[in-house]
Amino acid sequence: MSQKRSTDLMTVTVLGAEAFIRPDGRAAIRLDTNELGPIAFEVDQQTIDTLRQKLANAETFLHQKHRPS
């Protein structure tokens, strides 16, 4: 994946999330969004690891944003 990403993306508000197993045995994550309703995407171990890393980065951004100057 490219490290350089466009910031001109559609953004949705996540209202809830759930992990589940599809009938064919593959793992997926469902996101309930305000703008699009429920959406889901399949995940494997590599995707889960990447999501963990990116969520940790986002959490760091949030902590920096709320840190008093």
PDB file of N, CA and C in Angstrom:
ATOM      1  N   MET A   1       0.824  -1.193   0.000  1.00  0.00           N
ATOM      2  CA  MET A   1       0.000   0.000   0.000  1.00  0.00           C
ATOM      3  C   MET A   1       0.861   1.246   0.000  1.00  0.00           C
ATOM      4  N   SER A   2       0.391   2.223  -0.666  1.00  0.00           N
ATOM      5  CA  SER A   2       1.107   3.487  -0.724  1.00  0.00           C
ATOM      6  C   SER A   2       0.959   4.234   0.590  1.00  0.00           C
ATOM      7  N   GLN A   3       2.047   4.851   1.032  1.00  0.00           N
ATOM      8  CA  GLN A   3       1.996   5.635   2.265  1.00  0.00           C
ATOM      9  C   GLN A   3       1.338   6.987   2.047  1.00  0.00           C
ATOM     10  N   LYS A   4       1.336   7.459   0.790  1.00  0.00           N
ATOM     11  CA  LYS A   4       0.734   8.752   0.487  1.00  0.00           C
ATOM     12  C   LYS A   4      -0.710   8.528   0.069  1.00  0.00           C
ATOM     13  N   ARG A   5      -1.631   9.121   0.814  1.00  0.00           N
ATOM     14  CA  ARG A   5      -3.061   8.945   0.548  1.00  0.00           C
ATOM     15  C   ARG A   5      -3.723  10.291   0.378  1.00  0.00           C
ATOM     16  N   SER A   6      -4.734  10.323  -0.449  1.00  0.00           N
ATOM     17  CA  SER A   6      -5.515  11.533  -0.636  1.00  0.00           C
ATOM     18  C   SER A   6      -6.361  11.783   0.590  1.00  0.00           C
ATOM     19  N   THR A   7      -6.488  13.030   0.992  1.00  0.00           N
ATOM     20  CA  THR A   7      -7.375  13.372   2.100  1.00  0.00           C
ATOM     21  C   THR A   7      -8.749  13.763   1.583  1.00  0.00           C
ATOM     22  N   ASP A   8      -8.936  13.735   0.271  1.00  0.00           N
ATOM     23  CA  ASP A   8     -10.215  14.066  -0.338  1.00  0.00           C
ATOM     24  C   ASP A   8     -11.039  12.786  -0.491  1.00  0.00           C
ATOM     25  N   LEU A   9     -11.481  12.250   0.645  1.00  0.00           N
ATOM     26  CA  LEU A   9     -12.212  10.991   0.672  1.00  0.00           C
ATOM     27  C   LEU A   9     -13.585  11.195   1.295  1.00  0.00           C
ATOM     28  N   MET A  10     -14.527  10.336   0.947  1.00  0.00           N
ATOM     29  CA  MET A  10     -15.810  10.351   1.622  1.00  0.00           C
ATOM     30  C   MET A  10     -15.581   9.866   3.046  1.00  0.00           C
ATOM     31  N   THR A  11     -16.096  10.583   4.009  1.00  0.00           N
ATOM     32  CA  THR A  11     -15.951  10.215   5.414  1.00  0.00           C
ATOM     33  C   THR A  11     -17.318   9.873   5.972  1.00  0.00           C
ATOM     34  N   VAL A  12     -17.383   8.795   6.738  1.00  0.00           N
ATOM     35  CA  VAL A  12     -18.636   8.389   7.363  1.00  0.00           C
ATOM     36  C   VAL A  12     -18.476   8.405   8.876  1.00  0.00           C
ATOM     37  N   THR A  13     -19.586   8.550   9.569  1.00  0.00           N
ATOM     38  CA  THR A  13     -19.605   8.505  11.027  1.00  0.00           C
ATOM     39  C   THR A  13     -19.993   7.090  11.442  1.00  0.00           C
ATOM     40  N   VAL A  14     -19.109   6.424  12.171  1.00  0.00           N
ATOM     41  CA  VAL A  14     -19.369   5.059  12.611  1.00  0.00           C
ATOM     42  C   VAL A  14     -20.195   5.105  13.890  1.00  0.00           C
ATOM     43  N   LEU A  15     -21.338   4.440  13.861  1.00  0.00           N
ATOM     44  CA  LEU A  15     -22.240   4.406  15.006  1.00  0.00           C
ATOM     45  C   LEU A  15     -22.090   3.111  15.812  1.00  0.00           C
ATOM     46  N   GLY A  16     -21.598   2.076  15.165  1.00  0.00           N
ATOM     47  CA  GLY A  16     -21.415   0.790  15.828  1.00  0.00           C
ATOM     48  C   GLY A  16     -20.609  -0.136  14.951  1.00  0.00           C
ATOM     49  N   ALA A  17     -20.149  -1.225  15.529  1.00  0.00           N
ATOM     50  CA  ALA A  17     -19.347  -2.194  14.787  1.00  0.00           C
ATOM     51  C   ALA A  17     -19.550  -3.577  15.375  1.00  0.00           C
ATOM     52  N   GLU A  18     -19.386  -4.581  14.512  1.00  0.00           N
ATOM     53  CA  GLU A  18     -19.524  -5.961  14.960  1.00  0.00           C
ATOM     54  C   GLU A  18     -18.686  -6.861  14.066  1.00  0.00           C
ATOM     55  N   ALA A  19     -17.970  -7.786  14.674  1.00  0.00           N
ATOM     56  CA  ALA A  19     -17.242  -8.800  13.921  1.00  0.00           C
ATOM     57  C   ALA A  19     -18.147 -10.019  13.789  1.00  0.00           C
ATOM     58  N   PHE A  20     -18.075 -10.679  12.634  1.00  0.00           N
ATOM     59  CA  PHE A  20     -18.909 -11.859  12.444  1.00  0.00           C
ATOM     60  C   PHE A  20     -18.254 -12.809  11.450  1.00  0.00           C
ATOM     61  N   ILE A  21     -18.772 -14.021  11.413  1.00  0.00           N
ATOM     62  CA  ILE A  21     -18.323 -15.031  10.461  1.00  0.00           C
ATOM     63  C   ILE A  21     -19.383 -15.158   9.371  1.00  0.00           C
ATOM     64  N   ARG A  22     -18.951 -15.030   8.131  1.00  0.00           N
ATOM     65  CA  ARG A  22     -19.872 -15.187   7.002  1.00  0.00           C
ATOM     66  C   ARG A  22     -20.269 -16.659   6.872  1.00  0.00           C
ATOM     67  N   PRO A  23     -21.365 -16.944   6.180  1.00  0.00           N
ATOM     68  CA  PRO A  23     -21.781 -18.340   5.998  1.00  0.00           C
ATOM     69  C   PRO A  23     -20.699 -19.215   5.347  1.00  0.00           C
ATOM     70  N   ASP A  24     -19.835 -18.597   4.536  1.00  0.00           N
ATOM     71  CA  ASP A  24     -18.759 -19.361   3.892  1.00  0.00           C
ATOM     72  C   ASP A  24     -17.532 -19.518   4.787  1.00  0.00           C
ATOM     73  N   GLY A  25     -17.609 -19.020   6.046  1.00  0.00           N
ATOM     74  CA  GLY A  25     -16.522 -19.202   7.012  1.00  0.00           C
ATOM     75  C   GLY A  25     -15.521 -18.074   7.074  1.00  0.00           C
ATOM     76  N   ARG A  26     -15.643 -17.097   6.192  1.00  0.00           N
ATOM     77  CA  ARG A  26     -14.701 -15.977   6.214  1.00  0.00           C
ATOM     78  C   ARG A  26     -15.122 -14.957   7.272  1.00  0.00           C
ATOM     79  N   ALA A  27     -14.136 -14.293   7.868  1.00  0.00           N
ATOM     80  CA  ALA A  27     -14.400 -13.281   8.895  1.00  0.00           C
ATOM     81  C   ALA A  27     -14.676 -11.940   8.240  1.00  0.00           C
ATOM     82  N   ALA A  28     -15.524 -11.161   8.874  1.00  0.00           N
ATOM     83  CA  ALA A  28     -15.865  -9.841   8.352  1.00  0.00           C
ATOM     84  C   ALA A  28     -16.151  -8.894   9.513  1.00  0.00           C
ATOM     85  N   ILE A  29     -16.120  -7.615   9.218  1.00  0.00           N
ATOM     86  CA  ILE A  29     -16.475  -6.574  10.184  1.00  0.00           C
ATOM     87  C   ILE A  29     -17.593  -5.745   9.578  1.00  0.00           C
ATOM     88  N   ARG A  30     -18.645  -5.577  10.343  1.00  0.00           N
ATOM     89  CA  ARG A  30     -19.776  -4.738   9.932  1.00  0.00           C
ATOM     90  C   ARG A  30     -19.645  -3.406  10.653  1.00  0.00           C
ATOM     91  N   LEU A  31     -19.756  -2.326   9.905  1.00  0.00           N
ATOM     92  CA  LEU A  31     -19.788  -0.985  10.478  1.00  0.00           C
ATOM     93  C   LEU A  31     -21.159  -0.387  10.212  1.00  0.00           C
ATOM     94  N   ASP A  32     -21.816   0.089  11.252  1.00  0.00           N
ATOM     95  CA  ASP A  32     -23.070   0.811  11.087  1.00  0.00           C
ATOM     96  C   ASP A  32     -22.713   2.282  10.978  1.00  0.00           C
ATOM     97  N   THR A  33     -23.052   2.890   9.843  1.00  0.00           N
ATOM     98  CA  THR A  33     -22.685   4.277   9.599  1.00  0.00           C
ATOM     99  C   THR A  33     -23.921   5.159   9.498  1.00  0.00           C
ATOM    100  N   ASN A  34     -23.743   6.395   9.853  1.00  0.00           N
ATOM    101  CA  ASN A  34     -24.823   7.367   9.766  1.00  0.00           C
ATOM    102  C   ASN A  34     -25.178   7.655   8.313  1.00  0.00           C
ATOM    103  N   GLU A  35     -24.195   7.753   7.455  1.00  0.00           N
ATOM    104  CA  GLU A  35     -24.395   8.201   6.075  1.00  0.00           C
ATOM    105  C   GLU A  35     -24.799   7.085   5.117  1.00  0.00           C
ATOM    106  N   LEU A  36     -24.252   5.881   5.285  1.00  0.00           N
ATOM    107  CA  LEU A  36     -24.469   4.796   4.326  1.00  0.00           C
ATOM    108  C   LEU A  36     -25.234   3.615   4.908  1.00  0.00           C
ATOM    109  N   GLY A  37     -25.587   3.682   6.175  1.00  0.00           N
ATOM    110  CA  GLY A  37     -26.188   2.515   6.820  1.00  0.00           C
ATOM    111  C   GLY A  37     -25.113   1.477   7.075  1.00  0.00           C
ATOM    112  N   PRO A  38     -25.486   0.202   7.171  1.00  0.00           N
ATOM    113  CA  PRO A  38     -24.489  -0.830   7.448  1.00  0.00           C
ATOM    114  C   PRO A  38     -23.642  -1.148   6.216  1.00  0.00           C
ATOM    115  N   ILE A  39     -22.346  -1.266   6.446  1.00  0.00           N
ATOM    116  CA  ILE A  39     -21.416  -1.720   5.416  1.00  0.00           C
ATOM    117  C   ILE A  39     -20.530  -2.780   6.065  1.00  0.00           C
ATOM    118  N   ALA A  40     -19.991  -3.673   5.271  1.00  0.00           N
ATOM    119  CA  ALA A  40     -19.147  -4.731   5.823  1.00  0.00           C
ATOM    120  C   ALA A  40     -17.952  -4.952   4.919  1.00  0.00           C
ATOM    121  N   PHE A  41     -16.877  -5.446   5.515  1.00  0.00           N
ATOM    122  CA  PHE A  41     -15.707  -5.806   4.729  1.00  0.00           C
ATOM    123  C   PHE A  41     -15.075  -7.053   5.327  1.00  0.00           C
ATOM    124  N   GLU A  42     -14.586  -7.915   4.443  1.00  0.00           N
ATOM    125  CA  GLU A  42     -13.915  -9.129   4.875  1.00  0.00           C
ATOM    126  C   GLU A  42     -12.545  -8.788   5.414  1.00  0.00           C
ATOM    127  N   VAL A  43     -12.099  -9.586   6.389  1.00  0.00           N
ATOM    128  CA  VAL A  43     -10.776  -9.380   6.969  1.00  0.00           C
ATOM    129  C   VAL A  43     -10.046 -10.709   7.079  1.00  0.00           C
ATOM    130  N   ASP A  44      -8.734 -10.628   6.983  1.00  0.00           N
ATOM    131  CA  ASP A  44      -7.869 -11.755   7.292  1.00  0.00           C
ATOM    132  C   ASP A  44      -6.893 -11.265   8.365  1.00  0.00           C
ATOM    133  N   GLN A  45      -5.981 -12.107   8.783  1.00  0.00           N
ATOM    134  CA  GLN A  45      -5.086 -11.720   9.876  1.00  0.00           C
ATOM    135  C   GLN A  45      -4.244 -10.502   9.516  1.00  0.00           C
ATOM    136  N   GLN A  46      -3.771 -10.424   8.284  1.00  0.00           N
ATOM    137  CA  GLN A  46      -2.963  -9.277   7.867  1.00  0.00           C
ATOM    138  C   GLN A  46      -3.783  -7.989   7.923  1.00  0.00           C
ATOM    139  N   THR A  47      -5.025  -8.051   7.479  1.00  0.00           N
ATOM    140  CA  THR A  47      -5.901  -6.873   7.525  1.00  0.00           C
ATOM    141  C   THR A  47      -6.164  -6.453   8.961  1.00  0.00           C
ATOM    142  N   ILE A  48      -6.405  -7.416   9.836  1.00  0.00           N
ATOM    143  CA  ILE A  48      -6.647  -7.112  11.253  1.00  0.00           C
ATOM    144  C   ILE A  48      -5.415  -6.444  11.859  1.00  0.00           C
ATOM    145  N   ASP A  49      -4.237  -6.975  11.574  1.00  0.00           N
ATOM    146  CA  ASP A  49      -3.003  -6.382  12.093  1.00  0.00           C
ATOM    147  C   ASP A  49      -2.828  -4.944  11.608  1.00  0.00           C
ATOM    148  N   THR A  50      -3.114  -4.720  10.329  1.00  0.00           N
ATOM    149  CA  THR A  50      -3.011  -3.372   9.765  1.00  0.00           C
ATOM    150  C   THR A  50      -4.011  -2.435  10.424  1.00  0.00           C
ATOM    151  N   LEU A  51      -5.257  -2.895  10.595  1.00  0.00           N
ATOM    152  CA  LEU A  51      -6.271  -2.067  11.250  1.00  0.00           C
ATOM    153  C   LEU A  51      -5.864  -1.710  12.673  1.00  0.00           C
ATOM    154  N   ARG A  52      -5.315  -2.671  13.410  1.00  0.00           N
ATOM    155  CA  ARG A  52      -4.847  -2.389  14.781  1.00  0.00           C
ATOM    156  C   ARG A  52      -3.812  -1.261  14.778  1.00  0.00           C
ATOM    157  N   GLN A  53      -2.858  -1.347  13.863  1.00  0.00           N
ATOM    158  CA  GLN A  53      -1.807  -0.341  13.781  1.00  0.00           C
ATOM    159  C   GLN A  53      -2.397   1.029  13.436  1.00  0.00           C
ATOM    160  N   LYS A  54      -3.290   1.068  12.459  1.00  0.00           N
ATOM    161  CA  LYS A  54      -3.865   2.344  12.035  1.00  0.00           C
ATOM    162  C   LYS A  54      -4.778   2.929  13.112  1.00  0.00           C
ATOM    163  N   LEU A  55      -5.509   2.085  13.838  1.00  0.00           N
ATOM    164  CA  LEU A  55      -6.340   2.573  14.939  1.00  0.00           C
ATOM    165  C   LEU A  55      -5.478   3.119  16.075  1.00  0.00           C
ATOM    166  N   ALA A  56      -4.345   2.488  16.333  1.00  0.00           N
ATOM    167  CA  ALA A  56      -3.418   3.010  17.346  1.00  0.00           C
ATOM    168  C   ALA A  56      -2.886   4.374  16.920  1.00  0.00           C
ATOM    169  N   ASN A  57      -2.587   4.534  15.632  1.00  0.00           N
ATOM    170  CA  ASN A  57      -2.139   5.839  15.127  1.00  0.00           C
ATOM    171  C   ASN A  57      -3.235   6.886  15.313  1.00  0.00           C
ATOM    172  N   ALA A  58      -4.478   6.530  14.981  1.00  0.00           N
ATOM    173  CA  ALA A  58      -5.590   7.464  15.131  1.00  0.00           C
ATOM    174  C   ALA A  58      -5.787   7.847  16.601  1.00  0.00           C
ATOM    175  N   GLU A  59      -5.632   6.880  17.491  1.00  0.00           N
ATOM    176  CA  GLU A  59      -5.758   7.166  18.920  1.00  0.00           C
ATOM    177  C   GLU A  59      -4.672   8.138  19.379  1.00  0.00           C
ATOM    178  N   THR A  60      -3.474   7.975  18.870  1.00  0.00           N
ATOM    179  CA  THR A  60      -2.393   8.911  19.183  1.00  0.00           C
ATOM    180  C   THR A  60      -2.748  10.309  18.711  1.00  0.00           C
ATOM    181  N   PHE A  61      -3.291  10.430  17.508  1.00  0.00           N
ATOM    182  CA  PHE A  61      -3.710  11.735  16.992  1.00  0.00           C
ATOM    183  C   PHE A  61      -4.740  12.371  17.909  1.00  0.00           C
ATOM    184  N   LEU A  62      -5.708  11.569  18.363  1.00  0.00           N
ATOM    185  CA  LEU A  62      -6.749  12.094  19.261  1.00  0.00           C
ATOM    186  C   LEU A  62      -6.155  12.592  20.569  1.00  0.00           C
ATOM    187  N   HIS A  63      -5.220  11.840  21.140  1.00  0.00           N
ATOM    188  CA  HIS A  63      -4.583  12.244  22.396  1.00  0.00           C
ATOM    189  C   HIS A  63      -3.780  13.515  22.218  1.00  0.00           C
ATOM    190  N   GLN A  64      -3.110  13.655  21.094  1.00  0.00           N
ATOM    191  CA  GLN A  64      -2.330  14.875  20.818  1.00  0.00           C
ATOM    192  C   GLN A  64      -3.253  16.067  20.661  1.00  0.00           C
ATOM    193  N   LYS A  65      -4.391  15.864  20.025  1.00  0.00           N
ATOM    194  CA  LYS A  65      -5.356  16.934  19.789  1.00  0.00           C
ATOM    195  C   LYS A  65      -5.922  17.467  21.111  1.00  0.00           C
ATOM    196  N   HIS A  66      -6.130  16.588  22.069  1.00  0.00           N
ATOM    197  CA  HIS A  66      -6.755  16.986  23.334  1.00  0.00           C
ATOM    198  C   HIS A  66      -5.745  17.361  24.417  1.00  0.00           C
ATOM    199  N   ARG A  67      -4.461  17.321  24.080  1.00  0.00           N
ATOM    200  CA  ARG A  67      -3.421  17.672  25.042  1.00  0.00           C
ATOM    201  C   ARG A  67      -3.398  19.196  25.217  1.00  0.00           C
ATOM    202  N   PRO A  68      -3.411  19.678  26.469  1.00  0.00           N
ATOM    203  CA  PRO A  68      -3.336  21.134  26.674  1.00  0.00           C
ATOM    204  C   PRO A  68      -2.028  21.718  26.140  1.00  0.00           C
ATOM    205  N   SER A  69      -2.119  22.913  25.597  1.00  0.00           N
ATOM    206  CA  SER A  69      -0.915  23.566  25.031  1.00  0.00           C
ATOM    207  C   SER A  69      -0.111  24.237  26.097  1.00  0.00           C
TER     208      SER A  69
END
